[in-house]
Amino acid sequence: MPIAPQPIDQNQIEAIPNFTTQVFLVDSLNPKSGFGYNILVDGSIFIHQATIPSLPGNKAFDSKEKAEL
């Protein structure tokens, strides 16, 4: 039996955080250093990721497009 949709409470909508991302050069003086990204929640940095997660070492993303994925 399908579940009937529930009405949306406006208080719940306002409680949903606003997520955004930023891509950055790891070293602005050396563009070949690679890219990283920030994940912001309500305008504050929640995650600062200058290296590729789960890979050993400190390797940045090779391109802006890869950092955005």
C-alpha atoms as a PDB file:
ATOM      1  CA  MET A   1       0.000   0.000   0.000  1.00  0.00           C
ATOM      2  CA  PRO A   2       1.519   3.390  -0.975  1.00  0.00           C
ATOM      3  CA  ILE A   3       2.280   5.906   1.732  1.00  0.00           C
ATOM      4  CA  ALA A   4       0.311   9.136   1.459  1.00  0.00           C
ATOM      5  CA  PRO A   5       2.445  12.290   1.123  1.00  0.00           C
ATOM      6  CA  GLN A   6       2.642  14.402   4.249  1.00  0.00           C
ATOM      7  CA  PRO A   7       2.113  18.175   4.214  1.00  0.00           C
ATOM      8  CA  ILE A   8       5.313  20.207   4.430  1.00  0.00           C
ATOM      9  CA  ASP A   9       5.812  22.167   7.620  1.00  0.00           C
ATOM     10  CA  GLN A  10       7.436  25.568   6.862  1.00  0.00           C
ATOM     11  CA  ASN A  11       9.517  25.261  10.071  1.00  0.00           C
ATOM     12  CA  GLN A  12      11.130  22.114   8.667  1.00  0.00           C
ATOM     13  CA  ILE A  13      12.052  23.866   5.415  1.00  0.00           C
ATOM     14  CA  GLU A  14      13.846  26.672   7.263  1.00  0.00           C
ATOM     15  CA  ALA A  15      15.794  24.093   9.296  1.00  0.00           C
ATOM     16  CA  ILE A  16      17.322  22.515   6.163  1.00  0.00           C
ATOM     17  CA  PRO A  17      20.945  23.722   5.900  1.00  0.00           C
ATOM     18  CA  ASN A  18      22.215  25.425   2.756  1.00  0.00           C
ATOM     19  CA  PHE A  19      25.102  23.418   1.207  1.00  0.00           C
ATOM     20  CA  THR A  20      27.507  25.014  -1.296  1.00  0.00           C
ATOM     21  CA  THR A  21      30.935  24.102  -2.662  1.00  0.00           C
ATOM     22  CA  GLN A  22      34.060  26.033  -3.608  1.00  0.00           C
ATOM     23  CA  VAL A  23      36.971  24.797  -5.728  1.00  0.00           C
ATOM     24  CA  PHE A  24      40.407  26.304  -5.082  1.00  0.00           C
ATOM     25  CA  LEU A  25      44.040  26.050  -6.144  1.00  0.00           C
ATOM     26  CA  VAL A  26      46.003  24.280  -3.417  1.00  0.00           C
ATOM     27  CA  ASP A  27      48.901  26.730  -3.932  1.00  0.00           C
ATOM     28  CA  SER A  28      47.903  29.956  -5.694  1.00  0.00           C
ATOM     29  CA  LEU A  29      51.547  30.701  -6.538  1.00  0.00           C
ATOM     30  CA  ASN A  30      51.944  27.321  -8.237  1.00  0.00           C
ATOM     31  CA  PRO A  31      48.968  26.494 -10.506  1.00  0.00           C
ATOM     32  CA  LYS A  32      50.414  23.022 -11.192  1.00  0.00           C
ATOM     33  CA  SER A  33      49.976  22.119  -7.511  1.00  0.00           C
ATOM     34  CA  GLY A  34      46.406  20.989  -8.184  1.00  0.00           C
ATOM     35  CA  PHE A  35      42.931  21.718  -6.878  1.00  0.00           C
ATOM     36  CA  GLY A  36      40.960  21.095  -3.720  1.00  0.00           C
ATOM     37  CA  TYR A  37      37.450  21.910  -2.545  1.00  0.00           C
ATOM     38  CA  ASN A  38      35.489  23.249   0.404  1.00  0.00           C
ATOM     39  CA  ILE A  39      31.993  22.202   1.411  1.00  0.00           C
ATOM     40  CA  LEU A  40      30.149  25.005   3.158  1.00  0.00           C
ATOM     41  CA  VAL A  41      27.067  24.700   5.348  1.00  0.00           C
ATOM     42  CA  ASP A  42      25.140  27.927   5.818  1.00  0.00           C
ATOM     43  CA  GLY A  43      28.177  29.892   4.577  1.00  0.00           C
ATOM     44  CA  SER A  44      30.736  28.342   6.975  1.00  0.00           C
ATOM     45  CA  ILE A  45      33.406  25.852   5.925  1.00  0.00           C
ATOM     46  CA  PHE A  46      32.343  22.389   7.042  1.00  0.00           C
ATOM     47  CA  ILE A  47      34.938  20.355   5.086  1.00  0.00           C
ATOM     48  CA  HIS A  48      38.248  21.670   3.696  1.00  0.00           C
ATOM     49  CA  GLN A  49      39.709  19.060   1.338  1.00  0.00           C
ATOM     50  CA  ALA A  50      43.089  19.988  -0.187  1.00  0.00           C
ATOM     51  CA  THR A  51      43.944  16.390  -1.132  1.00  0.00           C
ATOM     52  CA  ILE A  52      42.089  13.501  -2.757  1.00  0.00           C
ATOM     53  CA  PRO A  53      40.264  11.645   0.031  1.00  0.00           C
ATOM     54  CA  SER A  54      41.085   7.969   0.663  1.00  0.00           C
ATOM     55  CA  LEU A  55      44.331   8.023  -1.341  1.00  0.00           C
ATOM     56  CA  PRO A  56      47.618   7.662   0.483  1.00  0.00           C
ATOM     57  CA  GLY A  57      49.889  10.700   0.410  1.00  0.00           C
ATOM     58  CA  ASN A  58      49.060  14.313  -0.270  1.00  0.00           C
ATOM     59  CA  LYS A  59      47.968  14.385  -3.905  1.00  0.00           C
ATOM     60  CA  ALA A  60      45.614  17.165  -5.026  1.00  0.00           C
ATOM     61  CA  PHE A  61      43.113  16.845  -7.861  1.00  0.00           C
ATOM     62  CA  ASP A  62      44.704  17.325 -11.305  1.00  0.00           C
ATOM     63  CA  SER A  63      41.941  19.596 -12.614  1.00  0.00           C
ATOM     64  CA  LYS A  64      39.141  21.849 -11.445  1.00  0.00           C
ATOM     65  CA  GLU A  65      36.629  19.489 -13.070  1.00  0.00           C
ATOM     66  CA  LYS A  66      37.873  16.508 -11.041  1.00  0.00           C
ATOM     67  CA  ALA A  67      37.682  18.509  -7.811  1.00  0.00           C
ATOM     68  CA  GLU A  68      34.063  19.405  -8.611  1.00  0.00           C
ATOM     69  CA  LEU A  69      32.928  15.774  -8.970  1.00  0.00           C
END
